[in-house]
Amino acid sequence: MSEWIDLLSEIGFPIFVTMYLLSRIEAKLEAVNQSIVMLPDKLYRP
């Protein structure tokens, strides 16, 4: 049982950090995507 706990603690923390960083990057990528989508409207507005 302690082997499973050690394995989870060794693998669980990097997975948690990875998921946290991916969620932050996802939010920033969504903002960039929205800016790119709105760009043609701002460029061609008379």
N, C-alpha and C. Protein backbone atom coordinates (compact mmCIF):
# COMPACT_ATOMS: atom_id res chain seq x y z
N MET A 1 0.83 -1.20 0.00
CA MET A 1 0.00 0.00 0.00
C MET A 1 0.86 1.25 0.00
N SER A 2 1.95 1.25 0.75
CA SER A 2 2.80 2.44 0.80
C SER A 2 3.48 2.69 -0.55
N GLU A 3 3.67 1.61 -1.33
CA GLU A 3 4.24 1.80 -2.67
C GLU A 3 3.29 2.60 -3.55
N TRP A 4 1.99 2.33 -3.42
CA TRP A 4 1.01 3.08 -4.20
C TRP A 4 0.98 4.55 -3.78
N ILE A 5 1.08 4.79 -2.49
CA ILE A 5 1.08 6.17 -2.00
C ILE A 5 2.32 6.91 -2.49
N ASP A 6 3.46 6.24 -2.45
CA ASP A 6 4.69 6.86 -2.96
C ASP A 6 4.57 7.15 -4.45
N LEU A 7 4.02 6.19 -5.20
CA LEU A 7 3.86 6.38 -6.64
C LEU A 7 2.91 7.53 -6.93
N LEU A 8 1.82 7.61 -6.19
CA LEU A 8 0.86 8.69 -6.39
C LEU A 8 1.47 10.04 -6.04
N SER A 9 2.24 10.10 -4.99
CA SER A 9 2.85 11.38 -4.61
C SER A 9 3.91 11.80 -5.62
N GLU A 10 4.61 10.84 -6.21
CA GLU A 10 5.63 11.18 -7.21
C GLU A 10 5.00 11.59 -8.53
N ILE A 11 3.92 10.95 -8.91
CA ILE A 11 3.29 11.23 -10.20
C ILE A 11 2.19 12.28 -10.07
N GLY A 12 1.50 12.30 -8.96
CA GLY A 12 0.36 13.19 -8.78
C GLY A 12 0.74 14.66 -8.81
N PHE A 13 1.83 15.02 -8.18
CA PHE A 13 2.22 16.42 -8.14
C PHE A 13 2.56 16.96 -9.52
N PRO A 14 3.38 16.26 -10.32
CA PRO A 14 3.64 16.77 -11.68
C PRO A 14 2.38 16.85 -12.53
N ILE A 15 1.46 15.91 -12.36
CA ILE A 15 0.21 15.97 -13.12
C ILE A 15 -0.59 17.20 -12.70
N PHE A 16 -0.65 17.47 -11.40
CA PHE A 16 -1.37 18.64 -10.91
C PHE A 16 -0.78 19.93 -11.46
N VAL A 17 0.54 20.05 -11.42
CA VAL A 17 1.21 21.25 -11.93
C VAL A 17 0.97 21.39 -13.43
N THR A 18 1.04 20.29 -14.17
CA THR A 18 0.81 20.33 -15.61
C THR A 18 -0.61 20.78 -15.92
N MET A 19 -1.59 20.24 -15.23
CA MET A 19 -2.98 20.63 -15.48
C MET A 19 -3.21 22.09 -15.13
N TYR A 20 -2.60 22.56 -14.05
CA TYR A 20 -2.74 23.97 -13.67
C TYR A 20 -2.16 24.88 -14.74
N LEU A 21 -0.96 24.56 -15.22
CA LEU A 21 -0.33 25.39 -16.24
C LEU A 21 -1.10 25.34 -17.56
N LEU A 22 -1.60 24.17 -17.92
CA LEU A 22 -2.38 24.07 -19.15
C LEU A 22 -3.67 24.88 -19.07
N SER A 23 -4.30 24.92 -17.93
CA SER A 23 -5.53 25.71 -17.79
C SER A 23 -5.23 27.20 -17.90
N ARG A 24 -4.09 27.63 -17.37
CA ARG A 24 -3.72 29.04 -17.50
C ARG A 24 -3.40 29.39 -18.95
N ILE A 25 -2.68 28.51 -19.63
CA ILE A 25 -2.33 28.75 -21.02
C ILE A 25 -3.59 28.74 -21.88
N GLU A 26 -4.54 27.87 -21.55
CA GLU A 26 -5.77 27.79 -22.32
C GLU A 26 -6.53 29.11 -22.27
N ALA A 27 -6.59 29.73 -21.11
CA ALA A 27 -7.29 31.01 -20.97
C ALA A 27 -6.60 32.08 -21.81
N LYS A 28 -5.29 32.09 -21.81
CA LYS A 28 -4.56 33.09 -22.59
C LYS A 28 -4.72 32.84 -24.08
N LEU A 29 -4.72 31.58 -24.49
CA LEU A 29 -4.92 31.26 -25.90
C LEU A 29 -6.32 31.66 -26.36
N GLU A 30 -7.29 31.52 -25.51
CA GLU A 30 -8.65 31.94 -25.85
C GLU A 30 -8.71 33.45 -26.06
N ALA A 31 -8.00 34.22 -25.25
CA ALA A 31 -7.96 35.66 -25.43
C ALA A 31 -7.28 36.03 -26.74
N VAL A 32 -6.21 35.34 -27.08
CA VAL A 32 -5.52 35.59 -28.36
C VAL A 32 -6.44 35.23 -29.52
N ASN A 33 -7.14 34.13 -29.40
CA ASN A 33 -8.06 33.71 -30.45
C ASN A 33 -9.16 34.75 -30.66
N GLN A 34 -9.72 35.26 -29.60
CA GLN A 34 -10.76 36.29 -29.71
C GLN A 34 -10.22 37.55 -30.37
N SER A 35 -9.00 37.93 -30.06
CA SER A 35 -8.38 39.10 -30.68
C SER A 35 -8.21 38.89 -32.18
N ILE A 36 -7.79 37.70 -32.56
CA ILE A 36 -7.59 37.41 -33.98
C ILE A 36 -8.93 37.40 -34.72
N VAL A 37 -9.96 36.87 -34.09
CA VAL A 37 -11.28 36.83 -34.72
C VAL A 37 -11.82 38.25 -34.92
N MET A 38 -11.59 39.14 -33.97
CA MET A 38 -12.10 40.50 -34.06
C MET A 38 -11.23 41.40 -34.94
N LEU A 39 -10.05 40.99 -35.29
CA LEU A 39 -9.12 41.82 -36.05
C LEU A 39 -9.67 42.25 -37.41
N PRO A 40 -10.26 41.39 -38.22
CA PRO A 40 -10.77 41.86 -39.52
C PRO A 40 -11.84 42.94 -39.38
N ASP A 41 -12.69 42.84 -38.38
CA ASP A 41 -13.71 43.87 -38.18
C ASP A 41 -13.08 45.22 -37.87
N LYS A 42 -12.03 45.23 -37.10
CA LYS A 42 -11.37 46.49 -36.75
C LYS A 42 -10.56 47.04 -37.91
N LEU A 43 -10.01 46.16 -38.74
CA LEU A 43 -9.20 46.63 -39.87
C LEU A 43 -10.05 47.21 -40.99
N TYR A 44 -11.21 46.62 -41.26
CA TYR A 44 -12.02 47.03 -42.40
C TYR A 44 -13.20 47.89 -42.02
N ARG A 45 -13.20 48.44 -40.84
CA ARG A 45 -14.29 49.32 -40.42
C ARG A 45 -14.11 50.67 -41.12
N PRO A 46 -15.16 51.15 -41.84
CA PRO A 46 -15.03 52.44 -42.56
C PRO A 46 -15.03 53.64 -41.65
